[in-house]
Amino acid sequence: MPREEQERKQELRKILIELRDEALQKIAQEMGTKLDEDPRMSTISTMDIGDLSQLDLDEDIDYTILNMYIERLRNVEDALDRLEEETYGYCEECGRAVKLKRLKVLPFTKYCVQCQEQREKMGLESKLKKMRKEEEFEL
């Protein structure tokens, strides 16, 4: 592997590992918050329907944020796997190298700008979106 390619791979690995560590930290932080005492148990007698509704809304928002971090972690882990397979950084549609600038902005992208734009014009969904829709039906 040429030196330039090795340096690119090391730089991208560093970016992905930092993103993975950040996502893991955020997930642990969110989970820690969830494991703290539920305020409904200690103050249930002083809470009215409005208070309980607000708590439910807050929990829904927290759950959405947690899912966002988990999805990001999955994307980063997938990108790290592709890096080891030496398929990372290449467009899954056309096979050309994705520009380093794009990978720095969106490290887990699978498509070059041109192919991504073409996919969006054609209305093609990403595999991730398809999987998430299938998961929703399983619930």
C-alpha atoms as a PDB file:
ATOM      1  CA  MET A   1       0.000   0.000   0.000  1.00  0.00           C
ATOM      2  CA  PRO A   2       1.474   3.390  -0.959  1.00  0.00           C
ATOM      3  CA  ARG A   3       2.546   5.697   1.863  1.00  0.00           C
ATOM      4  CA  GLU A   4      -0.084   8.305   0.964  1.00  0.00           C
ATOM      5  CA  GLU A   5      -2.818   5.665   1.163  1.00  0.00           C
ATOM      6  CA  GLN A   6      -1.538   4.460   4.553  1.00  0.00           C
ATOM      7  CA  GLU A   7      -1.535   8.009   5.932  1.00  0.00           C
ATOM      8  CA  ARG A   8      -5.088   8.539   4.649  1.00  0.00           C
ATOM      9  CA  LYS A   9      -6.220   5.285   6.251  1.00  0.00           C
ATOM     10  CA  GLN A  10      -4.594   6.190   9.596  1.00  0.00           C
ATOM     11  CA  GLU A  11      -6.164   9.646   9.576  1.00  0.00           C
ATOM     12  CA  LEU A  12      -9.602   8.228   8.812  1.00  0.00           C
ATOM     13  CA  ARG A  13      -9.220   5.508  11.452  1.00  0.00           C
ATOM     14  CA  LYS A  14      -8.382   8.195  14.026  1.00  0.00           C
ATOM     15  CA  ILE A  15     -11.488  10.197  13.072  1.00  0.00           C
ATOM     16  CA  LEU A  16     -13.714   7.108  13.268  1.00  0.00           C
ATOM     17  CA  ILE A  17     -12.299   5.989  16.622  1.00  0.00           C
ATOM     18  CA  GLU A  18     -12.852   9.468  18.060  1.00  0.00           C
ATOM     19  CA  LEU A  19     -16.455   9.402  16.811  1.00  0.00           C
ATOM     20  CA  ARG A  20     -16.949   5.907  18.252  1.00  0.00           C
ATOM     21  CA  ASP A  21     -15.573   6.965  21.634  1.00  0.00           C
ATOM     22  CA  GLU A  22     -17.754  10.067  21.633  1.00  0.00           C
ATOM     23  CA  ALA A  23     -20.861   8.030  20.791  1.00  0.00           C
ATOM     24  CA  LEU A  24     -20.062   5.466  23.496  1.00  0.00           C
ATOM     25  CA  GLN A  25     -19.591   8.243  26.033  1.00  0.00           C
ATOM     26  CA  LYS A  26     -22.906   9.859  25.091  1.00  0.00           C
ATOM     27  CA  ILE A  27     -24.705   6.501  25.274  1.00  0.00           C
ATOM     28  CA  ALA A  28     -23.228   5.817  28.718  1.00  0.00           C
ATOM     29  CA  GLN A  29     -24.219   9.303  29.831  1.00  0.00           C
ATOM     30  CA  GLU A  30     -27.798   8.868  28.582  1.00  0.00           C
ATOM     31  CA  MET A  31     -28.060   5.409  30.145  1.00  0.00           C
ATOM     32  CA  GLY A  32     -26.707   6.749  33.441  1.00  0.00           C
ATOM     33  CA  THR A  33     -29.392   9.394  33.438  1.00  0.00           C
ATOM     34  CA  LYS A  34     -32.035   6.729  32.827  1.00  0.00           C
ATOM     35  CA  LEU A  35     -30.778   4.635  35.732  1.00  0.00           C
ATOM     36  CA  ASP A  36     -31.095   7.490  38.203  1.00  0.00           C
ATOM     37  CA  GLU A  37     -34.141   7.512  40.418  1.00  0.00           C
ATOM     38  CA  ASP A  38     -37.400   7.986  38.551  1.00  0.00           C
ATOM     39  CA  PRO A  39     -39.005  11.153  39.973  1.00  0.00           C
ATOM     40  CA  ARG A  40     -42.461   9.605  39.699  1.00  0.00           C
ATOM     41  CA  MET A  41     -41.672   7.091  42.409  1.00  0.00           C
ATOM     42  CA  SER A  42     -40.712   9.611  45.061  1.00  0.00           C
ATOM     43  CA  THR A  43     -43.097  12.429  44.202  1.00  0.00           C
ATOM     44  CA  ILE A  44     -46.061  10.643  42.683  1.00  0.00           C
ATOM     45  CA  SER A  45     -48.495  12.083  45.216  1.00  0.00           C
ATOM     46  CA  THR A  46     -47.551  15.654  44.324  1.00  0.00           C
ATOM     47  CA  MET A  47     -47.696  15.212  40.554  1.00  0.00           C
ATOM     48  CA  ASP A  48     -50.764  15.919  38.473  1.00  0.00           C
ATOM     49  CA  ILE A  49     -51.636  14.686  34.968  1.00  0.00           C
ATOM     50  CA  GLY A  50     -49.760  17.582  33.369  1.00  0.00           C
ATOM     51  CA  ASP A  51     -46.580  16.756  35.298  1.00  0.00           C
ATOM     52  CA  LEU A  52     -46.799  13.102  34.322  1.00  0.00           C
ATOM     53  CA  SER A  53     -47.396  14.031  30.682  1.00  0.00           C
ATOM     54  CA  GLN A  54     -44.323  16.252  30.727  1.00  0.00           C
ATOM     55  CA  LEU A  55     -42.251  13.413  32.199  1.00  0.00           C
ATOM     56  CA  ASP A  56     -43.478  11.077  29.460  1.00  0.00           C
ATOM     57  CA  LEU A  57     -42.581  13.635  26.793  1.00  0.00           C
ATOM     58  CA  ASP A  58     -39.126  14.121  28.322  1.00  0.00           C
ATOM     59  CA  GLU A  59     -38.588  10.355  28.341  1.00  0.00           C
ATOM     60  CA  ASP A  60     -39.612  10.123  24.669  1.00  0.00           C
ATOM     61  CA  ILE A  61     -37.150  12.863  23.765  1.00  0.00           C
ATOM     62  CA  ASP A  62     -34.399  11.184  25.800  1.00  0.00           C
ATOM     63  CA  TYR A  63     -35.150   7.860  24.101  1.00  0.00           C
ATOM     64  CA  THR A  64     -34.918   9.518  20.678  1.00  0.00           C
ATOM     65  CA  ILE A  65     -31.569  11.060  21.573  1.00  0.00           C
ATOM     66  CA  LEU A  66     -30.286   7.716  22.837  1.00  0.00           C
ATOM     67  CA  ASN A  67     -31.372   6.021  19.596  1.00  0.00           C
ATOM     68  CA  MET A  68     -29.575   8.724  17.610  1.00  0.00           C
ATOM     69  CA  TYR A  69     -26.317   7.964  19.432  1.00  0.00           C
ATOM     70  CA  ILE A  70     -26.796   4.225  18.992  1.00  0.00           C
ATOM     71  CA  GLU A  71     -27.423   4.683  15.265  1.00  0.00           C
ATOM     72  CA  ARG A  72     -24.279   6.817  15.008  1.00  0.00           C
ATOM     73  CA  LEU A  73     -22.301   4.132  16.825  1.00  0.00           C
ATOM     74  CA  ARG A  74     -23.582   1.488  14.383  1.00  0.00           C
ATOM     75  CA  ASN A  75     -22.589   3.643  11.425  1.00  0.00           C
ATOM     76  CA  VAL A  76     -19.111   4.231  12.830  1.00  0.00           C
ATOM     77  CA  GLU A  77     -18.608   0.541  13.642  1.00  0.00           C
ATOM     78  CA  ASP A  78     -19.698  -0.326  10.098  1.00  0.00           C
ATOM     79  CA  ALA A  79     -17.217   2.218   8.709  1.00  0.00           C
ATOM     80  CA  LEU A  80     -14.433   0.750  10.870  1.00  0.00           C
ATOM     81  CA  ASP A  81     -15.276  -2.720   9.543  1.00  0.00           C
ATOM     82  CA  ARG A  82     -15.119  -1.408   5.984  1.00  0.00           C
ATOM     83  CA  LEU A  83     -11.789   0.237   6.796  1.00  0.00           C
ATOM     84  CA  GLU A  84     -10.365  -3.133   7.859  1.00  0.00           C
ATOM     85  CA  GLU A  85     -11.802  -4.767   4.727  1.00  0.00           C
ATOM     86  CA  GLU A  86     -10.204  -1.944   2.713  1.00  0.00           C
ATOM     87  CA  THR A  87     -13.538  -0.984   1.185  1.00  0.00           C
ATOM     88  CA  TYR A  88     -13.938   2.140   3.320  1.00  0.00           C
ATOM     89  CA  GLY A  89     -13.599   5.419   1.479  1.00  0.00           C
ATOM     90  CA  TYR A  90     -14.820   4.001  -1.811  1.00  0.00           C
ATOM     91  CA  CYS A  91     -18.264   4.697  -3.187  1.00  0.00           C
ATOM     92  CA  GLU A  92     -20.489   1.628  -2.997  1.00  0.00           C
ATOM     93  CA  GLU A  93     -22.243   2.750  -6.174  1.00  0.00           C
ATOM     94  CA  CYS A  94     -19.452   3.661  -8.615  1.00  0.00           C
ATOM     95  CA  GLY A  95     -16.368   2.302  -6.839  1.00  0.00           C
ATOM     96  CA  ARG A  96     -14.398   5.550  -7.027  1.00  0.00           C
ATOM     97  CA  ALA A  97     -12.575   6.934  -4.000  1.00  0.00           C
ATOM     98  CA  VAL A  98     -14.708   9.283  -1.906  1.00  0.00           C
ATOM     99  CA  LYS A  99     -12.910  12.579  -1.430  1.00  0.00           C
ATOM    100  CA  LEU A 100     -11.131  12.957   1.903  1.00  0.00           C
ATOM    101  CA  LYS A 101     -12.906  16.268   2.501  1.00  0.00           C
ATOM    102  CA  ARG A 102     -16.290  14.496   2.322  1.00  0.00           C
ATOM    103  CA  LEU A 103     -15.126  11.694   4.614  1.00  0.00           C
ATOM    104  CA  LYS A 104     -13.976  14.224   7.202  1.00  0.00           C
ATOM    105  CA  VAL A 105     -17.386  15.892   7.168  1.00  0.00           C
ATOM    106  CA  LEU A 106     -19.402  12.669   7.035  1.00  0.00           C
ATOM    107  CA  PRO A 107     -17.018   9.878   8.089  1.00  0.00           C
ATOM    108  CA  PHE A 108     -19.434   6.993   7.656  1.00  0.00           C
ATOM    109  CA  THR A 109     -20.707   7.918   4.206  1.00  0.00           C
ATOM    110  CA  LYS A 110     -20.881   5.119   1.659  1.00  0.00           C
ATOM    111  CA  TYR A 111     -21.324   7.214  -1.465  1.00  0.00           C
ATOM    112  CA  CYS A 112     -19.476   9.950  -3.305  1.00  0.00           C
ATOM    113  CA  VAL A 113     -21.311  13.248  -3.702  1.00  0.00           C
ATOM    114  CA  GLN A 114     -22.383  12.524  -7.279  1.00  0.00           C
ATOM    115  CA  CYS A 115     -23.806   9.093  -6.501  1.00  0.00           C
ATOM    116  CA  GLN A 116     -25.513  10.349  -3.333  1.00  0.00           C
ATOM    117  CA  GLU A 117     -27.177  13.125  -5.301  1.00  0.00           C
ATOM    118  CA  GLN A 118     -28.242  10.624  -7.967  1.00  0.00           C
ATOM    119  CA  ARG A 119     -29.693   8.295  -5.333  1.00  0.00           C
ATOM    120  CA  GLU A 120     -31.642  11.164  -3.800  1.00  0.00           C
ATOM    121  CA  LYS A 121     -32.991  12.241  -7.195  1.00  0.00           C
ATOM    122  CA  MET A 122     -34.117   8.689  -7.886  1.00  0.00           C
ATOM    123  CA  GLY A 123     -35.694   8.475  -4.447  1.00  0.00           C
ATOM    124  CA  LEU A 124     -33.591   5.502  -3.380  1.00  0.00           C
ATOM    125  CA  GLU A 125     -33.471   4.870   0.318  1.00  0.00           C
ATOM    126  CA  SER A 126     -30.344   3.912   2.119  1.00  0.00           C
ATOM    127  CA  LYS A 127     -30.058   0.383   3.488  1.00  0.00           C
ATOM    128  CA  LEU A 128     -30.145   1.878   6.986  1.00  0.00           C
ATOM    129  CA  LYS A 129     -33.507   3.554   6.366  1.00  0.00           C
ATOM    130  CA  LYS A 130     -34.918   0.305   4.991  1.00  0.00           C
ATOM    131  CA  MET A 131     -33.681  -1.613   8.046  1.00  0.00           C
ATOM    132  CA  ARG A 132     -35.178   0.945  10.417  1.00  0.00           C
ATOM    133  CA  LYS A 133     -38.561   0.708   8.688  1.00  0.00           C
ATOM    134  CA  GLU A 134     -38.453  -3.080   8.993  1.00  0.00           C
ATOM    135  CA  GLU A 135     -37.583  -2.771  12.699  1.00  0.00           C
ATOM    136  CA  GLU A 136     -40.598  -0.504  13.244  1.00  0.00           C
ATOM    137  CA  PHE A 137     -42.909  -3.172  11.823  1.00  0.00           C
ATOM    138  CA  GLU A 138     -41.390  -5.820  14.123  1.00  0.00           C
ATOM    139  CA  LEU A 139     -42.210  -3.794  17.249  1.00  0.00           C
END
